[in-house]
Full PDB file with SEQRES, HELIX, SHEET, SSBOND, CRYST1, ORIGX, SCALE, CONECT and MASTER records, all heavy atoms in Angstrom:
SEQRES   1 A   31  ALA PHE ARG ILE GLY ALA PRO ASP GLN PRO ALA PRO VAL          
SEQRES   2 A   31  PRO ARG ASP GLN PRO VAL PHE GLU THR LEU THR SER GLY          
SEQRES   3 A   31  SER THR GLY GLN PRO                                          
SHEET    1 AA1 2 PHE A   2  ARG A   3  0                                        
SHEET    2 AA1 2 PHE A  20  GLU A  21  1                                        
CRYST1    1.000    1.000    1.000  90.00  90.00  90.00 P 1           1          
ORIGX1      1.000000  0.000000  0.000000        0.00000                         
ORIGX2      0.000000  1.000000  0.000000        0.00000                         
ORIGX3      0.000000  0.000000  1.000000        0.00000                         
SCALE1      1.000000  0.000000  0.000000        0.00000                         
SCALE2      0.000000  1.000000  0.000000        0.00000                         
SCALE3      0.000000  0.000000  1.000000        0.00000                         
ATOM      1  N   ALA A   1      35.250 199.510  86.072  1.00  0.00           N  
ATOM      2  CA  ALA A   1      33.890 199.546  86.701  1.00  0.00           C  
ATOM      3  C   ALA A   1      33.596 198.047  86.658  1.00  0.00           C  
ATOM      4  O   ALA A   1      33.877 197.227  85.790  1.00  0.00           O  
ATOM      5  CB  ALA A   1      32.835 200.169  85.927  1.00  0.00           C  
ATOM      6  N   PHE A   2      33.055 197.547  87.958  1.00  0.00           N  
ATOM      7  CA  PHE A   2      32.760 196.075  88.016  1.00  0.00           C  
ATOM      8  C   PHE A   2      31.862 195.752  89.146  1.00  0.00           C  
ATOM      9  O   PHE A   2      31.580 196.610  90.017  1.00  0.00           O  
ATOM     10  CB  PHE A   2      33.972 195.153  88.104  1.00  0.00           C  
ATOM     11  CG  PHE A   2      34.649 195.213  89.524  1.00  0.00           C  
ATOM     12  CD1 PHE A   2      34.169 194.487  90.575  1.00  0.00           C  
ATOM     13  CD2 PHE A   2      35.669 196.290  89.836  1.00  0.00           C  
ATOM     14  CE1 PHE A   2      34.747 194.488  91.826  1.00  0.00           C  
ATOM     15  CE2 PHE A   2      36.136 196.336  91.007  1.00  0.00           C  
ATOM     16  CZ  PHE A   2      35.835 195.478  92.065  1.00  0.00           C  
ATOM     17  N   ARG A   3      31.213 194.667  89.078  1.00  0.00           N  
ATOM     18  CA  ARG A   3      30.349 194.097  90.181  1.00  0.00           C  
ATOM     19  C   ARG A   3      30.605 192.617  90.211  1.00  0.00           C  
ATOM     20  O   ARG A   3      30.549 192.024  89.204  1.00  0.00           O  
ATOM     21  CB  ARG A   3      28.932 194.438  90.119  1.00  0.00           C  
ATOM     22  CG  ARG A   3      28.130 193.978  91.186  1.00  0.00           C  
ATOM     23  CD  ARG A   3      26.614 194.267  91.042  1.00  0.00           C  
ATOM     24  NE  ARG A   3      25.898 193.498  89.991  1.00  0.00           N  
ATOM     25  CZ  ARG A   3      25.417 194.110  88.958  1.00  0.00           C  
ATOM     26  NH1 ARG A   3      25.492 195.315  88.690  1.00  0.00           N  
ATOM     27  NH2 ARG A   3      24.848 193.365  87.998  1.00  0.00           N  
ATOM     28  N   ILE A   4      30.638 192.174  91.376  1.00  0.00           N  
ATOM     29  CA  ILE A   4      30.712 190.667  91.599  1.00  0.00           C  
ATOM     30  C   ILE A   4      29.247 190.195  92.121  1.00  0.00           C  
ATOM     31  O   ILE A   4      28.782 190.718  93.084  1.00  0.00           O  
ATOM     32  CB  ILE A   4      31.802 190.299  92.658  1.00  0.00           C  
ATOM     33  CG1 ILE A   4      33.164 190.458  91.932  1.00  0.00           C  
ATOM     34  CG2 ILE A   4      31.639 188.725  93.044  1.00  0.00           C  
ATOM     35  CD1 ILE A   4      34.295 190.078  92.880  1.00  0.00           C  
ATOM     36  N   GLY A   5      28.783 189.368  91.288  1.00  0.00           N  
ATOM     37  CA  GLY A   5      27.396 188.834  91.545  1.00  0.00           C  
ATOM     38  C   GLY A   5      26.287 189.643  90.967  1.00  0.00           C  
ATOM     39  O   GLY A   5      26.543 190.533  90.264  1.00  0.00           O  
ATOM     40  N   ALA A   6      25.050 189.161  91.129  1.00  0.00           N  
ATOM     41  CA  ALA A   6      23.756 189.684  90.675  1.00  0.00           C  
ATOM     42  C   ALA A   6      23.881 189.948  89.058  1.00  0.00           C  
ATOM     43  O   ALA A   6      23.836 190.972  88.558  1.00  0.00           O  
ATOM     44  CB  ALA A   6      23.516 191.107  91.303  1.00  0.00           C  
ATOM     45  N   PRO A   7      24.167 188.743  88.400  1.00  0.00           N  
ATOM     46  CA  PRO A   7      24.253 188.847  86.934  1.00  0.00           C  
ATOM     47  C   PRO A   7      23.033 189.213  86.254  1.00  0.00           C  
ATOM     48  O   PRO A   7      23.118 189.653  85.016  1.00  0.00           O  
ATOM     49  CB  PRO A   7      24.787 187.439  86.541  1.00  0.00           C  
ATOM     50  CG  PRO A   7      24.168 186.528  87.596  1.00  0.00           C  
ATOM     51  CD  PRO A   7      24.340 187.324  88.857  1.00  0.00           C  
ATOM     52  N   ASP A   8      21.882 189.138  86.840  1.00  0.00           N  
ATOM     53  CA  ASP A   8      20.616 189.581  86.177  1.00  0.00           C  
ATOM     54  C   ASP A   8      20.358 191.083  86.201  1.00  0.00           C  
ATOM     55  O   ASP A   8      19.452 191.587  85.692  1.00  0.00           O  
ATOM     56  CB  ASP A   8      19.488 188.824  86.659  1.00  0.00           C  
ATOM     57  CG  ASP A   8      19.347 188.986  88.293  1.00  0.00           C  
ATOM     58  OD1 ASP A   8      20.440 189.284  88.832  1.00  0.00           O  
ATOM     59  OD2 ASP A   8      18.326 188.893  88.822  1.00  0.00           O  
ATOM     60  N   GLN A   9      21.198 191.869  86.952  1.00  0.00           N  
ATOM     61  CA  GLN A   9      21.077 193.246  87.152  1.00  0.00           C  
ATOM     62  C   GLN A   9      21.846 194.009  86.170  1.00  0.00           C  
ATOM     63  O   GLN A   9      22.829 193.569  85.581  1.00  0.00           O  
ATOM     64  CB  GLN A   9      21.407 193.709  88.608  1.00  0.00           C  
ATOM     65  CG  GLN A   9      20.562 192.995  89.657  1.00  0.00           C  
ATOM     66  CD  GLN A   9      19.007 193.371  89.515  1.00  0.00           C  
ATOM     67  OE1 GLN A   9      18.729 194.598  89.468  1.00  0.00           O  
ATOM     68  NE2 GLN A   9      18.148 192.359  89.386  1.00  0.00           N  
ATOM     69  N   PRO A  10      21.525 195.252  85.975  1.00  0.00           N  
ATOM     70  CA  PRO A  10      22.300 196.142  84.936  1.00  0.00           C  
ATOM     71  C   PRO A  10      23.764 196.280  85.453  1.00  0.00           C  
ATOM     72  O   PRO A  10      23.984 196.309  86.606  1.00  0.00           O  
ATOM     73  CB  PRO A  10      21.505 197.503  84.943  1.00  0.00           C  
ATOM     74  CG  PRO A  10      20.163 197.159  85.445  1.00  0.00           C  
ATOM     75  CD  PRO A  10      20.288 196.034  86.374  1.00  0.00           C  
ATOM     76  N   ALA A  11      24.639 196.260  84.450  1.00  0.00           N  
ATOM     77  CA  ALA A  11      26.056 196.395  84.772  1.00  0.00           C  
ATOM     78  C   ALA A  11      26.500 197.800  85.094  1.00  0.00           C  
ATOM     79  O   ALA A  11      25.720 198.851  84.611  1.00  0.00           O  
ATOM     80  CB  ALA A  11      26.940 195.975  83.518  1.00  0.00           C  
ATOM     81  N   PRO A  12      27.397 197.953  86.070  1.00  0.00           N  
ATOM     82  CA  PRO A  12      27.999 199.351  86.385  1.00  0.00           C  
ATOM     83  C   PRO A  12      28.669 199.920  85.109  1.00  0.00           C  
ATOM     84  O   PRO A  12      29.159 199.245  84.389  1.00  0.00           O  
ATOM     85  CB  PRO A  12      28.898 198.996  87.425  1.00  0.00           C  
ATOM     86  CG  PRO A  12      29.274 197.570  87.398  1.00  0.00           C  
ATOM     87  CD  PRO A  12      28.174 196.969  86.737  1.00  0.00           C  
ATOM     88  N   VAL A  13      28.505 201.243  84.977  1.00  0.00           N  
ATOM     89  CA  VAL A  13      29.101 201.886  83.824  1.00  0.00           C  
ATOM     90  C   VAL A  13      30.305 202.648  84.176  1.00  0.00           C  
ATOM     91  O   VAL A  13      30.310 203.380  85.222  1.00  0.00           O  
ATOM     92  CB  VAL A  13      27.919 202.900  83.285  1.00  0.00           C  
ATOM     93  CG1 VAL A  13      28.457 203.805  82.049  1.00  0.00           C  
ATOM     94  CG2 VAL A  13      26.716 202.115  82.889  1.00  0.00           C  
ATOM     95  N   PRO A  14      31.246 202.580  83.368  1.00  0.00           N  
ATOM     96  CA  PRO A  14      32.642 203.251  83.771  1.00  0.00           C  
ATOM     97  C   PRO A  14      32.303 204.979  83.826  1.00  0.00           C  
ATOM     98  O   PRO A  14      31.431 205.332  83.099  1.00  0.00           O  
ATOM     99  CB  PRO A  14      33.527 203.086  82.625  1.00  0.00           C  
ATOM    100  CG  PRO A  14      33.020 201.634  82.032  1.00  0.00           C  
ATOM    101  CD  PRO A  14      31.540 201.759  82.277  1.00  0.00           C  
ATOM    102  N   ARG A  15      32.925 205.559  84.774  1.00  0.00           N  
ATOM    103  CA  ARG A  15      32.853 207.069  84.972  1.00  0.00           C  
ATOM    104  C   ARG A  15      34.083 207.718  84.811  1.00  0.00           C  
ATOM    105  O   ARG A  15      35.075 207.110  84.304  1.00  0.00           O  
ATOM    106  CB  ARG A  15      32.145 207.231  86.306  1.00  0.00           C  
ATOM    107  CG  ARG A  15      30.896 206.216  86.541  1.00  0.00           C  
ATOM    108  CD  ARG A  15      29.775 206.995  87.220  1.00  0.00           C  
ATOM    109  NE  ARG A  15      28.601 206.305  87.184  1.00  0.00           N  
ATOM    110  CZ  ARG A  15      27.436 206.511  87.652  1.00  0.00           C  
ATOM    111  NH1 ARG A  15      27.367 207.817  88.070  1.00  0.00           N  
ATOM    112  NH2 ARG A  15      26.395 205.863  87.584  1.00  0.00           N  
ATOM    113  N   ASP A  16      34.166 208.957  85.298  1.00  0.00           N  
ATOM    114  CA  ASP A  16      35.437 209.608  85.141  1.00  0.00           C  
ATOM    115  C   ASP A  16      36.458 209.128  86.124  1.00  0.00           C  
ATOM    116  O   ASP A  16      37.630 209.626  86.082  1.00  0.00           O  
ATOM    117  CB  ASP A  16      35.199 211.062  85.288  1.00  0.00           C  
ATOM    118  CG  ASP A  16      34.643 211.545  86.479  1.00  0.00           C  
ATOM    119  OD1 ASP A  16      34.296 210.578  87.500  1.00  0.00           O  
ATOM    120  OD2 ASP A  16      34.455 212.746  86.867  1.00  0.00           O  
ATOM    121  N   GLN A  17      36.160 208.319  87.030  1.00  0.00           N  
ATOM    122  CA  GLN A  17      37.059 207.616  88.037  1.00  0.00           C  
ATOM    123  C   GLN A  17      36.629 206.153  88.210  1.00  0.00           C  
ATOM    124  O   GLN A  17      35.402 205.919  88.152  1.00  0.00           O  
ATOM    125  CB  GLN A  17      37.210 208.348  89.267  1.00  0.00           C  
ATOM    126  CG  GLN A  17      35.943 208.568  90.106  1.00  0.00           C  
ATOM    127  CD  GLN A  17      36.179 209.400  91.358  1.00  0.00           C  
ATOM    128  OE1 GLN A  17      37.066 209.291  92.021  1.00  0.00           O  
ATOM    129  NE2 GLN A  17      35.195 210.296  91.578  1.00  0.00           N  
ATOM    130  N   PRO A  18      37.609 205.198  88.541  1.00  0.00           N  
ATOM    131  CA  PRO A  18      37.187 203.941  88.701  1.00  0.00           C  
ATOM    132  C   PRO A  18      36.085 203.696  89.738  1.00  0.00           C  
ATOM    133  O   PRO A  18      36.221 204.359  90.858  1.00  0.00           O  
ATOM    134  CB  PRO A  18      38.549 203.196  89.132  1.00  0.00           C  
ATOM    135  CG  PRO A  18      39.579 204.155  88.642  1.00  0.00           C  
ATOM    136  CD  PRO A  18      38.972 205.542  88.816  1.00  0.00           C  
ATOM    137  N   VAL A  19      35.267 202.895  89.516  1.00  0.00           N  
ATOM    138  CA  VAL A  19      34.023 202.519  90.413  1.00  0.00           C  
ATOM    139  C   VAL A  19      33.794 201.052  90.440  1.00  0.00           C  
ATOM    140  O   VAL A  19      34.226 200.393  89.688  1.00  0.00           O  
ATOM    141  CB  VAL A  19      32.667 203.308  89.987  1.00  0.00           C  
ATOM    142  CG1 VAL A  19      32.834 204.867  89.956  1.00  0.00           C  
ATOM    143  CG2 VAL A  19      32.356 202.851  88.445  1.00  0.00           C  
ATOM    144  N   PHE A  20      32.892 200.723  91.384  1.00  0.00           N  
ATOM    145  CA  PHE A  20      32.458 199.319  91.514  1.00  0.00           C  
ATOM    146  C   PHE A  20      31.177 199.413  92.254  1.00  0.00           C  
ATOM    147  O   PHE A  20      30.720 200.361  92.847  1.00  0.00           O  
ATOM    148  CB  PHE A  20      33.437 198.443  92.201  1.00  0.00           C  
ATOM    149  CG  PHE A  20      33.679 198.775  93.688  1.00  0.00           C  
ATOM    150  CD1 PHE A  20      33.273 197.869  94.617  1.00  0.00           C  
ATOM    151  CD2 PHE A  20      34.311 199.947  94.181  1.00  0.00           C  
ATOM    152  CE1 PHE A  20      33.509 198.101  95.901  1.00  0.00           C  
ATOM    153  CE2 PHE A  20      34.440 200.194  95.448  1.00  0.00           C  
ATOM    154  CZ  PHE A  20      34.055 199.359  96.415  1.00  0.00           C  
ATOM    155  N   GLU A  21      30.424 198.250  92.233  1.00  0.00           N  
ATOM    156  CA  GLU A  21      29.149 198.034  92.947  1.00  0.00           C  
ATOM    157  C   GLU A  21      29.290 197.062  94.080  1.00  0.00           C  
ATOM    158  O   GLU A  21      29.800 195.977  93.692  1.00  0.00           O  
ATOM    159  CB  GLU A  21      27.990 197.776  92.008  1.00  0.00           C  
ATOM    160  CG  GLU A  21      27.556 198.995  91.143  1.00  0.00           C  
ATOM    161  CD  GLU A  21      26.410 198.687  90.359  1.00  0.00           C  
ATOM    162  OE1 GLU A  21      26.092 197.500  90.124  1.00  0.00           O  
ATOM    163  OE2 GLU A  21      25.895 199.718  89.812  1.00  0.00           O  
ATOM    164  N   THR A  22      28.747 197.276  95.206  1.00  0.00           N  
ATOM    165  CA  THR A  22      28.619 196.331  96.109  1.00  0.00           C  
ATOM    166  C   THR A  22      27.036 195.925  96.239  1.00  0.00           C  
ATOM    167  O   THR A  22      26.260 196.718  95.821  1.00  0.00           O  
ATOM    168  CB  THR A  22      29.052 196.711  97.613  1.00  0.00           C  
ATOM    169  OG1 THR A  22      28.504 197.819  98.014  1.00  0.00           O  
ATOM    170  CG2 THR A  22      30.561 196.944  97.466  1.00  0.00           C  
ATOM    171  N   LEU A  23      26.722 194.897  97.017  1.00  0.00           N  
ATOM    172  CA  LEU A  23      25.384 194.426  97.142  1.00  0.00           C  
ATOM    173  C   LEU A  23      24.829 194.462  98.602  1.00  0.00           C  
ATOM    174  O   LEU A  23      25.626 193.996  99.369  1.00  0.00           O  
ATOM    175  CB  LEU A  23      25.154 193.066  96.474  1.00  0.00           C  
ATOM    176  CG  LEU A  23      25.491 192.992  95.006  1.00  0.00           C  
ATOM    177  CD1 LEU A  23      25.412 191.430  94.683  1.00  0.00           C  
ATOM    178  CD2 LEU A  23      24.539 193.671  94.256  1.00  0.00           C  
ATOM    179  N   THR A  24      23.633 194.837  98.801  1.00  0.00           N  
ATOM    180  CA  THR A  24      23.174 194.652 100.175  1.00  0.00           C  
ATOM    181  C   THR A  24      22.723 193.226 100.453  1.00  0.00           C  
ATOM    182  O   THR A  24      22.773 192.441  99.537  1.00  0.00           O  
ATOM    183  CB  THR A  24      21.888 195.609 100.384  1.00  0.00           C  
ATOM    184  OG1 THR A  24      20.912 195.089  99.560  1.00  0.00           O  
ATOM    185  CG2 THR A  24      22.156 197.005 100.127  1.00  0.00           C  
ATOM    186  N   SER A  25      22.325 192.842 101.644  1.00  0.00           N  
ATOM    187  CA  SER A  25      22.110 191.518 101.933  1.00  0.00           C  
ATOM    188  C   SER A  25      20.901 190.937 101.250  1.00  0.00           C  
ATOM    189  O   SER A  25      20.839 189.664 101.049  1.00  0.00           O  
ATOM    190  CB  SER A  25      22.073 191.363 103.510  1.00  0.00           C  
ATOM    191  OG  SER A  25      20.796 192.009 104.020  1.00  0.00           O  
ATOM    192  N   GLY A  26      19.981 191.789 100.953  1.00  0.00           N  
ATOM    193  CA  GLY A  26      18.769 191.312 100.270  1.00  0.00           C  
ATOM    194  C   GLY A  26      17.824 190.598 101.220  1.00  0.00           C  
ATOM    195  O   GLY A  26      16.866 189.863 100.846  1.00  0.00           O  
ATOM    196  N   SER A  27      17.951 190.977 102.528  1.00  0.00           N  
ATOM    197  CA  SER A  27      17.048 190.438 103.514  1.00  0.00           C  
ATOM    198  C   SER A  27      15.733 190.750 103.448  1.00  0.00           C  
ATOM    199  O   SER A  27      14.736 190.027 103.884  1.00  0.00           O  
ATOM    200  CB  SER A  27      17.655 190.737 104.892  1.00  0.00           C  
ATOM    201  OG  SER A  27      17.573 192.108 105.197  1.00  0.00           O  
ATOM    202  N   THR A  28      15.396 191.821 102.790  1.00  0.00           N  
ATOM    203  CA  THR A  28      13.969 192.256 102.611  1.00  0.00           C  
ATOM    204  C   THR A  28      13.547 192.236 101.197  1.00  0.00           C  
ATOM    205  O   THR A  28      12.599 192.848 100.848  1.00  0.00           O  
ATOM    206  CB  THR A  28      13.837 193.795 103.111  1.00  0.00           C  
ATOM    207  OG1 THR A  28      14.751 194.732 102.376  1.00  0.00           O  
ATOM    208  CG2 THR A  28      14.122 194.010 104.559  1.00  0.00           C  
ATOM    209  N   GLY A  29      14.229 191.498 100.397  1.00  0.00           N  
ATOM    210  CA  GLY A  29      13.952 191.365  98.958  1.00  0.00           C  
ATOM    211  C   GLY A  29      15.180 191.278  98.067  1.00  0.00           C  
ATOM    212  O   GLY A  29      16.179 190.712  98.621  1.00  0.00           O  
ATOM    213  N   GLN A  30      15.106 191.741  96.885  1.00  0.00           N  
ATOM    214  CA  GLN A  30      16.243 191.631  95.884  1.00  0.00           C  
ATOM    215  C   GLN A  30      17.384 192.517  96.485  1.00  0.00           C  
ATOM    216  O   GLN A  30      17.163 193.730  96.965  1.00  0.00           O  
ATOM    217  CB  GLN A  30      15.857 192.002  94.604  1.00  0.00           C  
ATOM    218  CG  GLN A  30      17.009 191.838  93.494  1.00  0.00           C  
ATOM    219  CD  GLN A  30      16.493 191.855  92.114  1.00  0.00           C  
ATOM    220  OE1 GLN A  30      15.401 191.403  91.901  1.00  0.00           O  
ATOM    221  NE2 GLN A  30      17.179 192.349  91.197  1.00  0.00           N  
ATOM    222  N   PRO A  31      18.672 191.978  96.508  1.00  0.00           N  
ATOM    223  CA  PRO A  31      19.817 192.924  96.943  1.00  0.00           C  
ATOM    224  C   PRO A  31      19.813 194.236  96.163  1.00  0.00           C  
ATOM    225  O   PRO A  31      19.604 194.199  94.908  1.00  0.00           O  
ATOM    226  CB  PRO A  31      20.985 191.922  96.656  1.00  0.00           C  
ATOM    227  CG  PRO A  31      20.420 190.561  96.589  1.00  0.00           C  
ATOM    228  CD  PRO A  31      19.107 190.601  96.070  1.00  0.00           C  
TER     229      PRO A  31                                                      
MASTER        0    0    0    0    2    0    0    6  228    1    0    3          
END                                                                             
């Protein structure tokens, strides 16, 4: 489990299969 960027946000949690998080552009606020 991983995410690149947004270090101030909660970390992704490992699940029963590998996961990751992407980020939206944040054009209307926080990504």
